N, C-alpha and C. Protein backbone atom coordinates (compact mmCIF):
# COMPACT_ATOMS: atom_id res chain seq x y z
N MET A 1 -34.05 -29.00 -10.63
CA MET A 1 -34.14 -27.88 -11.55
C MET A 1 -33.57 -26.60 -10.95
N ASP A 2 -33.74 -26.46 -9.65
CA ASP A 2 -33.21 -25.28 -8.97
C ASP A 2 -31.69 -25.24 -9.01
N SER A 3 -31.07 -26.40 -8.82
CA SER A 3 -29.60 -26.44 -8.82
C SER A 3 -29.05 -26.14 -10.22
N LEU A 4 -29.79 -26.50 -11.25
CA LEU A 4 -29.36 -26.20 -12.61
C LEU A 4 -29.35 -24.68 -12.85
N LYS A 5 -30.35 -23.99 -12.32
CA LYS A 5 -30.40 -22.52 -12.46
C LYS A 5 -29.25 -21.87 -11.71
N VAL A 6 -28.93 -22.39 -10.54
CA VAL A 6 -27.82 -21.83 -9.75
C VAL A 6 -26.50 -22.04 -10.48
N ILE A 7 -26.30 -23.23 -11.02
CA ILE A 7 -25.07 -23.52 -11.75
C ILE A 7 -24.97 -22.63 -12.99
N LEU A 8 -26.06 -22.47 -13.71
CA LEU A 8 -26.07 -21.62 -14.89
C LEU A 8 -25.77 -20.17 -14.53
N LYS A 9 -26.33 -19.70 -13.42
CA LYS A 9 -26.08 -18.34 -12.97
C LYS A 9 -24.62 -18.16 -12.58
N MET A 10 -24.04 -19.16 -11.91
CA MET A 10 -22.63 -19.09 -11.51
C MET A 10 -21.72 -19.09 -12.72
N LEU A 11 -22.03 -19.91 -13.71
CA LEU A 11 -21.24 -19.92 -14.94
C LEU A 11 -21.34 -18.60 -15.69
N THR A 12 -22.51 -17.99 -15.70
CA THR A 12 -22.68 -16.69 -16.34
C THR A 12 -21.83 -15.64 -15.64
N VAL A 13 -21.84 -15.64 -14.32
CA VAL A 13 -21.03 -14.69 -13.57
C VAL A 13 -19.55 -14.92 -13.83
N LEU A 14 -19.12 -16.16 -13.88
CA LEU A 14 -17.73 -16.49 -14.15
C LEU A 14 -17.30 -16.00 -15.53
N ILE A 15 -18.11 -16.25 -16.52
CA ILE A 15 -17.79 -15.81 -17.88
C ILE A 15 -17.73 -14.29 -17.96
N LEU A 16 -18.67 -13.62 -17.33
CA LEU A 16 -18.66 -12.16 -17.31
C LEU A 16 -17.41 -11.62 -16.61
N ALA A 17 -17.00 -12.27 -15.53
CA ALA A 17 -15.80 -11.83 -14.81
C ALA A 17 -14.56 -12.00 -15.67
N VAL A 18 -14.47 -13.09 -16.40
CA VAL A 18 -13.32 -13.33 -17.28
C VAL A 18 -13.29 -12.30 -18.40
N VAL A 19 -14.42 -12.00 -18.98
CA VAL A 19 -14.49 -10.99 -20.06
C VAL A 19 -14.12 -9.62 -19.50
N PHE A 20 -14.64 -9.28 -18.33
CA PHE A 20 -14.32 -7.99 -17.70
C PHE A 20 -12.83 -7.89 -17.41
N ALA A 21 -12.23 -8.94 -16.87
CA ALA A 21 -10.80 -8.93 -16.57
C ALA A 21 -9.98 -8.77 -17.86
N GLY A 22 -10.39 -9.41 -18.91
CA GLY A 22 -9.70 -9.27 -20.19
C GLY A 22 -9.78 -7.85 -20.71
N LEU A 23 -10.93 -7.22 -20.58
CA LEU A 23 -11.08 -5.83 -21.02
C LEU A 23 -10.22 -4.90 -20.18
N VAL A 24 -10.19 -5.10 -18.89
CA VAL A 24 -9.38 -4.25 -18.02
C VAL A 24 -7.90 -4.41 -18.35
N MET A 25 -7.44 -5.63 -18.58
CA MET A 25 -6.04 -5.85 -18.93
C MET A 25 -5.71 -5.18 -20.27
N THR A 26 -6.61 -5.26 -21.22
CA THR A 26 -6.38 -4.62 -22.51
C THR A 26 -6.27 -3.11 -22.36
N ILE A 27 -7.15 -2.53 -21.56
CA ILE A 27 -7.10 -1.08 -21.33
C ILE A 27 -5.82 -0.69 -20.62
N LEU A 28 -5.39 -1.48 -19.64
CA LEU A 28 -4.18 -1.15 -18.90
C LEU A 28 -2.93 -1.24 -19.76
N TYR A 29 -2.90 -2.13 -20.71
CA TYR A 29 -1.73 -2.25 -21.58
C TYR A 29 -1.66 -1.14 -22.62
N THR A 30 -2.71 -0.33 -22.75
CA THR A 30 -2.67 0.79 -23.68
C THR A 30 -2.18 2.08 -23.01
N VAL A 31 -1.91 2.04 -21.71
CA VAL A 31 -1.41 3.21 -21.01
C VAL A 31 -0.02 3.54 -21.54
N PRO A 32 0.23 4.79 -21.91
CA PRO A 32 1.55 5.15 -22.44
C PRO A 32 2.64 5.04 -21.38
N THR A 33 3.81 4.56 -21.77
CA THR A 33 4.90 4.35 -20.82
C THR A 33 6.13 5.19 -21.13
N GLU A 34 6.03 6.14 -22.07
CA GLU A 34 7.21 6.91 -22.46
C GLU A 34 7.80 7.69 -21.28
N ARG A 35 6.95 8.32 -20.48
CA ARG A 35 7.45 9.09 -19.34
C ARG A 35 8.11 8.17 -18.31
N MET A 36 7.52 7.01 -18.09
CA MET A 36 8.14 6.07 -17.14
C MET A 36 9.50 5.63 -17.64
N VAL A 37 9.62 5.36 -18.93
CA VAL A 37 10.90 4.93 -19.50
C VAL A 37 11.95 6.03 -19.32
N ARG A 38 11.55 7.29 -19.58
CA ARG A 38 12.49 8.41 -19.40
C ARG A 38 12.97 8.50 -17.96
N HIS A 39 12.06 8.38 -17.00
CA HIS A 39 12.44 8.50 -15.60
C HIS A 39 13.30 7.32 -15.14
N VAL A 40 13.01 6.14 -15.64
CA VAL A 40 13.83 4.98 -15.29
C VAL A 40 15.24 5.15 -15.86
N LEU A 41 15.33 5.63 -17.09
CA LEU A 41 16.66 5.85 -17.68
C LEU A 41 17.44 6.92 -16.92
N GLN A 42 16.75 7.94 -16.41
CA GLN A 42 17.43 8.98 -15.64
C GLN A 42 17.95 8.46 -14.31
N SER A 43 17.27 7.49 -13.72
CA SER A 43 17.66 7.03 -12.39
C SER A 43 18.33 5.65 -12.41
N LYS A 44 18.73 5.18 -13.58
CA LYS A 44 19.31 3.83 -13.66
C LYS A 44 20.62 3.72 -12.88
N ASP A 45 21.43 4.80 -12.84
CA ASP A 45 22.69 4.75 -12.09
C ASP A 45 22.44 4.51 -10.61
N MET A 46 21.37 5.09 -10.10
CA MET A 46 21.04 4.91 -8.69
C MET A 46 20.78 3.43 -8.38
N TYR A 47 20.12 2.76 -9.30
CA TYR A 47 19.81 1.35 -9.07
C TYR A 47 21.01 0.45 -9.37
N LEU A 48 21.79 0.79 -10.38
CA LEU A 48 22.91 -0.06 -10.75
C LEU A 48 24.07 0.05 -9.77
N GLU A 49 24.29 1.24 -9.24
CA GLU A 49 25.44 1.45 -8.36
C GLU A 49 25.06 1.68 -6.91
N ASN A 50 23.80 1.50 -6.60
CA ASN A 50 23.29 1.64 -5.23
C ASN A 50 23.66 3.00 -4.64
N LYS A 51 23.39 4.06 -5.40
CA LYS A 51 23.73 5.42 -4.98
C LYS A 51 22.59 6.07 -4.21
N ILE A 52 22.20 5.47 -3.14
CA ILE A 52 21.14 6.04 -2.31
C ILE A 52 21.76 6.45 -0.99
N PRO A 53 21.59 7.71 -0.58
CA PRO A 53 22.19 8.13 0.68
C PRO A 53 21.60 7.38 1.87
N ASN A 54 22.44 7.17 2.86
CA ASN A 54 21.98 6.46 4.05
C ASN A 54 21.15 7.42 4.89
N TRP A 55 19.90 7.13 5.04
CA TRP A 55 19.00 8.01 5.76
C TRP A 55 18.61 7.46 7.12
N SER A 56 19.10 6.28 7.46
CA SER A 56 18.58 5.63 8.66
C SER A 56 19.63 5.27 9.69
N ASN A 57 20.80 5.84 9.59
CA ASN A 57 21.85 5.53 10.56
C ASN A 57 22.24 4.05 10.52
N LYS A 58 22.21 3.49 9.32
CA LYS A 58 22.61 2.11 9.06
C LYS A 58 21.78 1.07 9.82
N GLN A 59 20.51 1.34 9.99
CA GLN A 59 19.62 0.34 10.59
C GLN A 59 19.31 -0.73 9.54
N VAL A 60 19.46 -1.97 9.91
CA VAL A 60 19.31 -3.07 8.95
C VAL A 60 17.89 -3.12 8.38
N TYR A 61 16.90 -2.87 9.19
CA TYR A 61 15.52 -3.01 8.75
C TYR A 61 15.08 -1.92 7.78
N SER A 62 15.87 -0.88 7.62
CA SER A 62 15.44 0.23 6.77
C SER A 62 16.27 0.37 5.50
N THR A 63 17.05 -0.63 5.16
CA THR A 63 17.82 -0.55 3.93
C THR A 63 16.89 -0.65 2.73
N ILE A 64 17.26 -0.01 1.66
CA ILE A 64 16.43 0.02 0.47
C ILE A 64 16.82 -1.15 -0.43
N ASP A 65 15.82 -1.84 -0.91
CA ASP A 65 16.04 -3.02 -1.73
C ASP A 65 15.95 -2.64 -3.20
N ASN A 66 17.08 -2.34 -3.81
CA ASN A 66 17.09 -1.94 -5.21
C ASN A 66 16.76 -3.09 -6.15
N TYR A 67 17.02 -4.30 -5.73
CA TYR A 67 16.77 -5.46 -6.60
C TYR A 67 15.28 -5.58 -6.92
N SER A 68 14.44 -5.57 -5.89
CA SER A 68 13.00 -5.71 -6.15
C SER A 68 12.44 -4.45 -6.81
N ASP A 69 12.98 -3.27 -6.48
CA ASP A 69 12.54 -2.05 -7.15
C ASP A 69 12.84 -2.12 -8.65
N ALA A 70 14.01 -2.61 -9.00
CA ALA A 70 14.38 -2.72 -10.41
C ALA A 70 13.47 -3.70 -11.14
N ILE A 71 13.10 -4.78 -10.48
CA ILE A 71 12.19 -5.75 -11.09
C ILE A 71 10.83 -5.11 -11.34
N MET A 72 10.32 -4.36 -10.36
CA MET A 72 9.02 -3.72 -10.52
C MET A 72 9.04 -2.67 -11.63
N LEU A 73 10.12 -1.90 -11.70
CA LEU A 73 10.21 -0.89 -12.76
C LEU A 73 10.31 -1.55 -14.13
N ASN A 74 11.07 -2.61 -14.23
CA ASN A 74 11.19 -3.32 -15.50
C ASN A 74 9.84 -3.91 -15.92
N THR A 75 9.10 -4.44 -14.98
CA THR A 75 7.79 -5.00 -15.30
C THR A 75 6.84 -3.91 -15.75
N ALA A 76 6.93 -2.74 -15.15
CA ALA A 76 6.02 -1.65 -15.49
C ALA A 76 6.26 -1.09 -16.88
N ILE A 77 7.51 -1.05 -17.32
CA ILE A 77 7.79 -0.40 -18.61
C ILE A 77 7.91 -1.37 -19.77
N CYS A 78 8.01 -2.65 -19.52
CA CYS A 78 8.15 -3.62 -20.61
C CYS A 78 6.82 -4.23 -21.00
């Protein structure tokens, strides 16, 4: 009988966590993205043409990765 109570309690916690995660995702998707879209459109040339000044004396480990930055920005605004 004790193990049944533990299992029931664990299932309750799991269901509450899933409901909470769903609510948080719903709230996050309601955040306005107009300003982000404007800023991405303003800086698109920098990402498309790799127009970032060299700030590191051409050190390989400090190059800027525009590919992953573009993916993150696209994910944020879409």
